[in-house]
Protein backbone atom coordinates (compact mmCIF):
# COMPACT_ATOMS: atom_id res chain seq x y z
CA MET A 1 147.25 142.61 98.52
CA ASN A 2 150.24 140.81 97.49
CA ASN A 3 150.48 137.02 96.31
CA GLU A 4 151.29 135.67 99.67
CA GLU A 5 148.36 137.19 101.33
CA LEU A 6 146.06 135.81 98.71
CA LYS A 7 147.41 132.31 98.96
CA SER A 8 147.07 132.57 102.59
CA MET A 9 143.20 133.70 102.42
CA LYS A 10 142.65 130.98 99.69
CA SER A 11 144.05 128.17 102.11
CA GLU A 12 142.05 129.39 104.96
CA ARG A 13 139.15 129.22 103.01
CA VAL A 14 139.60 125.86 101.60
CA MET A 15 140.41 124.57 105.13
CA GLU A 16 136.99 126.55 106.60
CA LEU A 17 134.99 124.73 103.63
CA PHE A 18 136.39 121.19 104.29
CA TYR A 19 135.77 121.85 108.34
CA ARG A 20 132.26 122.93 107.32
CA ALA A 21 131.75 119.82 105.32
CA ILE A 22 133.10 117.58 107.99
CA LYS A 23 130.64 119.18 110.35
CA GLY A 24 127.86 118.30 108.00
CA GLU A 25 127.00 121.15 106.07
CA SER A 26 125.83 121.27 102.34
CA LEU A 27 128.05 123.79 100.61
CA SER A 28 126.40 125.84 97.89
CA VAL A 29 128.74 127.41 95.55
CA LYS A 30 126.55 130.53 95.11
CA LYS A 31 125.92 131.27 98.56
CA LEU A 32 129.63 130.68 99.59
CA SER A 33 130.81 133.16 96.80
CA GLU A 34 128.53 135.71 98.27
CA GLU A 35 129.78 135.21 101.60
CA TYR A 36 133.53 134.97 101.08
CA HIS A 37 133.18 137.88 98.19
CA VAL A 38 134.79 135.63 95.54
CA SER A 39 133.64 134.30 92.11
CA SER A 40 131.71 131.04 92.06
CA ARG A 41 134.92 129.78 89.92
CA SER A 42 137.14 130.37 93.01
CA ILE A 43 134.54 128.32 95.20
CA THR A 44 134.52 125.66 92.71
CA ARG A 45 138.13 125.46 92.38
CA ASP A 46 138.51 125.21 96.31
CA ILE A 47 135.77 122.33 96.16
CA ASN A 48 137.82 120.55 93.40
CA GLU A 49 140.95 121.25 95.67
CA ILE A 50 139.26 119.24 98.44
CA LYS A 51 137.75 116.57 96.20
CA THR A 52 141.27 115.86 95.11
CA PHE A 53 142.75 115.74 98.28
CA LEU A 54 140.40 113.29 99.34
CA ALA A 55 140.94 111.08 96.43
CA GLU A 56 144.71 111.12 96.96
CA HIS A 57 144.34 110.10 100.69
CA ILE A 58 141.75 107.40 100.15
CA ASP A 59 144.36 104.69 101.69
CA THR A 60 144.27 106.82 105.12
CA LEU A 61 140.70 108.13 104.94
CA GLY A 62 138.87 105.38 103.31
CA TYR A 63 136.28 106.43 100.64
CA ALA A 64 135.31 110.10 101.13
CA ASP A 65 134.06 112.48 98.45
CA LEU A 66 132.13 115.89 98.06
CA GLU A 67 129.08 114.50 96.21
CA TYR A 68 126.94 116.95 94.32
CA SER A 69 122.96 116.86 94.56
CA SER A 70 121.41 118.27 91.48
CA SER A 71 118.11 118.87 93.62
CA THR A 72 119.71 121.09 96.24
CA HIS A 73 122.73 122.33 94.01
CA THR A 74 124.88 121.95 96.98
CA TYR A 75 127.97 119.45 97.78
CA SER A 76 127.85 117.32 100.85
CA LEU A 77 130.65 115.17 102.24
CA LYS A 78 130.37 111.26 102.27
CA MET A 79 132.57 109.31 104.09
CA ASP A 80 132.91 105.56 105.03
CA MET A 81 133.65 106.54 108.61
CA PHE A 82 130.44 108.42 108.75
CA LEU A 83 127.50 106.72 110.65
CA SER A 84 124.59 106.27 108.43
CA ASN A 85 121.27 107.54 109.64
CA LYS A 86 120.01 103.94 109.75
CA GLU A 87 123.08 102.83 111.66
CA LEU A 88 122.53 105.65 114.24
CA LEU A 89 118.85 104.81 114.72
CA ALA A 90 119.70 101.19 115.45
CA ILE A 91 122.60 102.29 117.75
CA THR A 92 120.29 104.82 119.51
CA LYS A 93 117.77 102.10 120.03
CA VAL A 94 119.96 100.06 121.81
CA LEU A 95 121.21 102.65 124.04
CA ILE A 96 117.79 103.84 124.88
CA GLY A 97 116.54 100.20 125.28
CA SER A 98 119.35 99.45 127.55
CA ARG A 99 118.19 102.07 130.16
CA ALA A 100 121.52 102.04 131.67
CA PHE A 101 122.29 105.63 131.53
CA ASN A 102 120.64 108.83 132.98
CA HIS A 103 119.03 111.02 130.80
CA ALA A 104 121.47 113.83 130.68
CA ASP A 105 124.23 111.09 129.50
CA LEU A 106 122.45 109.57 126.99
CA THR A 107 121.33 112.99 125.68
CA GLU A 108 124.95 113.98 125.45
CA ILE A 109 126.07 110.59 123.89
CA ILE A 110 123.18 110.90 121.08
CA LYS A 111 124.24 114.28 120.36
CA LYS A 112 127.92 113.08 119.81
CA LEU A 113 126.71 110.43 117.81
CA LYS A 114 124.59 112.65 115.51
CA LYS A 115 127.75 114.83 114.56
CA ASN A 116 129.36 111.70 113.02
CA THR A 117 126.51 111.03 110.56
CA THR A 118 125.34 113.04 107.26
CA TYR A 119 122.71 115.69 107.23
CA ILE A 120 120.38 113.54 104.97
CA ASP A 121 117.13 112.68 106.71
CA ARG A 122 118.37 113.97 110.07
CA ASN A 123 115.27 115.99 110.69
CA LYS A 124 113.28 112.41 110.35
CA LEU A 125 116.06 110.88 112.55
CA GLU A 126 115.69 113.61 114.99
CA SER A 127 111.94 113.28 115.22
CA LEU A 128 112.45 109.48 115.76
CA ILE A 129 114.95 109.86 118.59
CA SER A 130 113.02 112.55 120.43
CA LYS A 131 109.79 110.49 120.59
CA GLU A 132 111.71 107.85 122.21
CA MET A 133 113.78 110.11 124.84
CA PHE A 134 110.52 111.78 125.65
CA HIS A 135 109.66 108.49 127.37
CA TYR A 136 112.74 107.20 128.31
CA LYS A 137 113.11 105.67 131.95
CA GLU A 138 116.52 104.95 133.24
CA ILE A 139 116.98 102.50 135.73
CA GLY A 140 117.20 103.52 139.31
CA SER A 141 120.87 104.26 140.31
CA ASP A 142 122.83 105.20 143.48
CA CYS A 143 125.56 106.70 141.59
CA SER A 144 125.61 110.35 140.09
CA SER A 145 127.05 108.65 136.70
CA VAL A 146 127.32 105.30 135.49
CA ILE A 147 129.53 106.39 132.86
CA ASP A 148 132.07 108.28 135.24
CA ASN A 149 132.03 104.89 137.21
CA ILE A 150 132.74 102.69 134.32
CA TRP A 151 135.64 104.90 133.18
CA LYS A 152 137.21 105.29 136.65
CA ILE A 153 136.92 101.46 137.22
CA THR A 154 138.49 100.68 133.82
CA ASP A 155 141.13 102.98 134.31
CA CYS A 156 141.94 101.14 137.73
CA ILE A 157 141.65 97.56 135.83
CA ASP A 158 144.15 98.94 133.18
CA ASN A 159 146.67 100.30 135.99
CA ARG A 160 145.85 97.22 138.03
CA ASN A 161 145.12 99.30 141.26
CA ILE A 162 143.41 97.98 144.11
CA ILE A 163 140.24 99.91 145.10
CA THR A 164 137.68 100.44 148.05
CA VAL A 165 133.88 100.78 146.95
CA THR A 166 131.17 102.10 148.82
CA TYR A 167 128.30 99.57 147.61
CA ILE A 168 124.56 99.77 148.08
CA LYS A 169 123.55 96.01 148.58
CA ILE A 170 120.33 94.53 147.45
CA ASN A 171 118.80 95.01 151.25
CA ARG A 172 119.92 98.78 150.70
CA GLU A 173 122.68 98.31 153.21
CA GLN A 174 125.84 100.29 152.60
CA VAL A 175 129.16 98.61 152.89
CA LYS A 176 132.89 99.28 152.24
CA ARG A 177 134.89 96.53 150.10
CA ASP A 178 138.64 96.23 149.39
CA ILE A 179 138.63 94.54 145.91
CA ILE A 180 140.69 93.75 142.80
CA PRO A 181 138.73 94.96 139.81
CA VAL A 182 139.13 92.45 137.00
CA THR A 183 136.61 93.20 134.22
CA ILE A 184 133.35 94.98 133.51
CA ILE A 185 130.24 93.36 131.48
CA PHE A 186 126.89 94.66 130.46
CA CYS A 187 124.27 92.20 130.84
CA ASP A 188 120.28 92.91 131.14
CA TYR A 189 120.09 96.61 131.70
CA TYR A 190 122.99 96.74 134.11
CA PHE A 191 127.06 97.11 133.91
CA TYR A 192 128.77 94.73 136.23
CA LEU A 193 132.10 95.10 137.68
CA ILE A 194 133.69 91.39 138.35
CA ALA A 195 136.12 91.45 141.23
CA TYR A 196 137.79 89.61 143.72
CA ARG A 197 138.07 90.56 147.48
CA ASN A 198 141.34 91.80 148.29
CA ASN A 199 143.57 89.59 150.85
CA SER A 200 140.90 86.81 150.82
CA ASN A 201 141.36 83.29 151.92
CA LYS A 202 139.09 82.41 148.84
CA PRO A 203 140.93 84.34 146.07
CA ASN A 204 139.56 82.59 143.18
CA ILE A 205 135.63 83.42 144.01
CA PRO A 206 134.67 86.24 141.94
CA LEU A 207 132.45 88.95 143.25
CA TYR A 208 129.49 90.78 141.13
CA PHE A 209 129.06 94.40 141.65
CA ARG A 210 126.31 96.44 140.15
CA ILE A 211 128.13 99.49 138.73
CA ASP A 212 125.01 101.84 139.40
CA ARG A 213 125.04 100.90 143.05
CA ILE A 214 128.67 101.95 143.62
CA LYS A 215 128.45 105.30 145.19
CA GLU A 216 132.05 105.97 146.03
CA ILE A 217 135.30 104.56 144.39
CA SER A 218 138.87 104.94 146.32
CA ILE A 219 141.97 104.17 144.40
CA HIS A 220 144.77 102.39 146.59
CA ARG A 221 148.51 102.99 145.52
CA GLU A 222 148.81 99.38 145.91
CA GLN A 223 148.82 97.21 142.42
CA PHE A 224 147.57 93.75 142.14
CA LYS A 225 148.72 90.63 139.88
CA LEU A 226 146.11 88.18 138.84
CA SER A 227 146.92 84.61 139.21
CA LYS A 228 146.12 82.35 135.94
CA ASP A 229 142.89 81.00 137.89
CA GLN A 230 141.67 84.56 138.25
CA ILE A 231 141.80 85.69 134.82
CA VAL A 232 138.13 85.99 133.62
CA ASN A 233 137.32 85.23 130.06
CA GLU A 234 134.49 87.92 129.38
CA GLY A 235 133.22 86.07 126.23
CA LEU A 236 132.66 82.78 127.83
CA LEU A 237 131.28 84.06 131.16
CA ARG A 238 128.56 86.06 129.18
CA GLN A 239 127.52 82.91 127.29
CA LYS A 240 127.38 80.82 130.22
CA SER A 241 126.02 83.06 133.14
CA GLN A 242 122.14 84.21 133.24
CA PHE A 243 121.37 87.47 134.78
CA MET A 244 125.19 87.82 136.16
CA TRP A 245 124.06 85.70 139.30
CA PRO A 246 127.13 83.96 140.86
CA GLY A 247 127.11 80.24 141.65
CA PRO A 248 128.54 76.92 140.73
CA SER A 249 129.71 75.81 137.06
CA ARG A 250 127.81 72.78 135.84
CA LYS A 251 126.57 71.01 132.85
CA ILE A 252 122.78 70.74 132.50
CA VAL A 253 120.52 68.90 130.56
CA PHE A 254 116.59 69.71 130.17
CA GLU A 255 113.80 69.33 127.81
CA PHE A 256 111.93 72.14 126.04
CA SER A 257 108.60 72.05 124.81
CA GLY A 258 107.51 75.39 124.09
CA PRO A 259 106.89 77.44 120.62
CA SER A 260 110.38 78.86 120.06
CA ILE A 261 113.43 76.63 120.52
CA GLN A 262 115.49 79.65 118.75
CA ALA A 263 114.53 82.03 121.81
CA ILE A 264 116.46 79.18 124.06
CA LEU A 265 119.46 78.86 122.24
CA ASP A 266 119.68 82.62 121.79
CA ARG A 267 119.22 83.16 125.49
CA ILE A 268 121.71 80.36 126.35
CA PRO A 269 124.53 80.35 123.83
CA THR A 270 126.15 77.39 125.19
CA ALA A 271 122.96 75.05 124.82
CA LYS A 272 122.74 72.50 122.06
CA VAL A 273 120.04 70.15 120.96
CA ILE A 274 121.15 66.74 121.32
CA GLU A 275 117.68 65.35 120.57
CA HIS A 276 114.32 66.23 118.95
CA LYS A 277 111.31 64.22 119.11
CA ASP A 278 107.63 65.09 119.23
CA SER A 279 107.75 68.58 119.53
CA ILE A 280 110.02 68.07 122.51
CA TYR A 281 113.77 69.36 122.41
CA THR A 282 116.40 67.94 124.72
CA LEU A 283 119.20 70.58 125.37
CA GLU A 284 122.65 70.26 126.92
CA ALA A 285 124.49 73.44 128.32
CA GLU A 286 127.48 74.69 130.10
CA VAL A 287 126.40 77.17 132.67
CA TYR A 288 127.58 79.29 135.62
CA GLY A 289 125.82 80.81 138.35
CA ASP A 290 122.22 80.53 139.81
CA GLY A 291 120.62 82.87 137.23
CA ILE A 292 120.07 79.82 134.96
CA LYS A 293 117.36 78.74 137.63
CA MET A 294 115.56 82.01 137.57
CA PHE A 295 115.50 81.72 133.60
CA LEU A 296 114.20 78.14 133.33
CA ILE A 297 111.65 78.50 135.90
CA SER A 298 110.47 81.60 134.02
CA GLN A 299 109.48 79.15 131.15
CA GLY A 300 107.03 77.52 133.36
CA SER A 301 105.61 73.93 131.92
CA TRP A 302 107.56 74.25 128.99
CA VAL A 303 110.85 73.31 130.54
CA LYS A 304 111.91 70.16 132.52
CA VAL A 305 115.32 69.56 133.90
CA LEU A 306 116.76 66.09 133.64
CA LYS A 307 120.38 66.43 134.85
CA PRO A 308 122.23 66.79 137.14
CA SER A 309 120.00 65.29 139.92
CA ASN A 310 121.01 68.06 142.58
CA PHE A 311 120.10 70.87 140.04
CA LYS A 312 116.71 69.20 139.30
CA GLN A 313 116.03 69.07 143.11
CA GLU A 314 116.85 72.53 143.49
CA LEU A 315 114.20 73.57 140.91
CA LYS A 316 111.75 71.31 142.50
CA ASP A 317 112.31 72.96 146.08
CA GLU A 318 112.00 76.34 144.53
CA ILE A 319 108.83 75.66 142.42
CA ASN A 320 107.43 74.10 145.74
CA ARG A 321 108.38 77.31 147.74
CA MET A 322 106.27 79.14 144.94
CA ALA A 323 103.36 76.85 145.09
CA ASN A 324 102.98 77.29 148.56
CA LEU A 325 102.81 81.07 148.31
CA TYR A 326 99.46 80.56 146.27
CA ARG A 327 97.85 78.09 149.02
């Protein structure tokens, strides 16, 4: 075998070792020397070449190194870009807790996430995840894949395509809507599409569609252009809206006497404490939609709405209707 062939074999071996390390394999010099039929010194030199490459390209790759474990006598790749097991576990628990994806889609997502973490404690991680996945209960859905719908709609938003959706309403009626898709927001177990009705005489009134209830999506060649009033600030909308329920924008003032004011501030990010006296907090908040009524009523006697008067009357009427159910 000539020198060129030897160099080619060595280069391929180094690349294979690097790839195996990226996949999360722990590299044993002894085992690799037996596998490739070369000396331990050759494998050690290969590993040192990879370590040198990683050190020289730290600006591009971030911190990365083949670190040696004296307990297992192996080298493992450590990279800043890898998720740690604790990070992966936290992300996975959020995904499982959301219940937004069907079992097959979520399993595939977690499988791919695990490929971007190290092998350390992976068996423990696998055990923790499998227990949660065994009891995983996805939300009811009328579409074959929420992920597919999200991606298709996102592409239409990016390309500014008008779309027609076949949608299952709350009463299970199936309807078709020609709409202008604007943005997608996740809130309380569901992904929502915020859109405007195409060719409507009320062009600035947003519509909310639960993406899991969209059965079909047809893409038009016709493209849309949003007016200044139609542009949605997703961050602000998320702060001001409860349960993604449409309705008017308003400033409300209410009292809270419950045990955790922080729970209220977390749930209504726009809320500010304007007074605190005798364990009663007075708060002011900018809100959007009628979902705020659902949330405040859920707090029972801990909440008393002060302003505005029409909002106060709306809650009073709703509470009376609830009371009548128990007479």
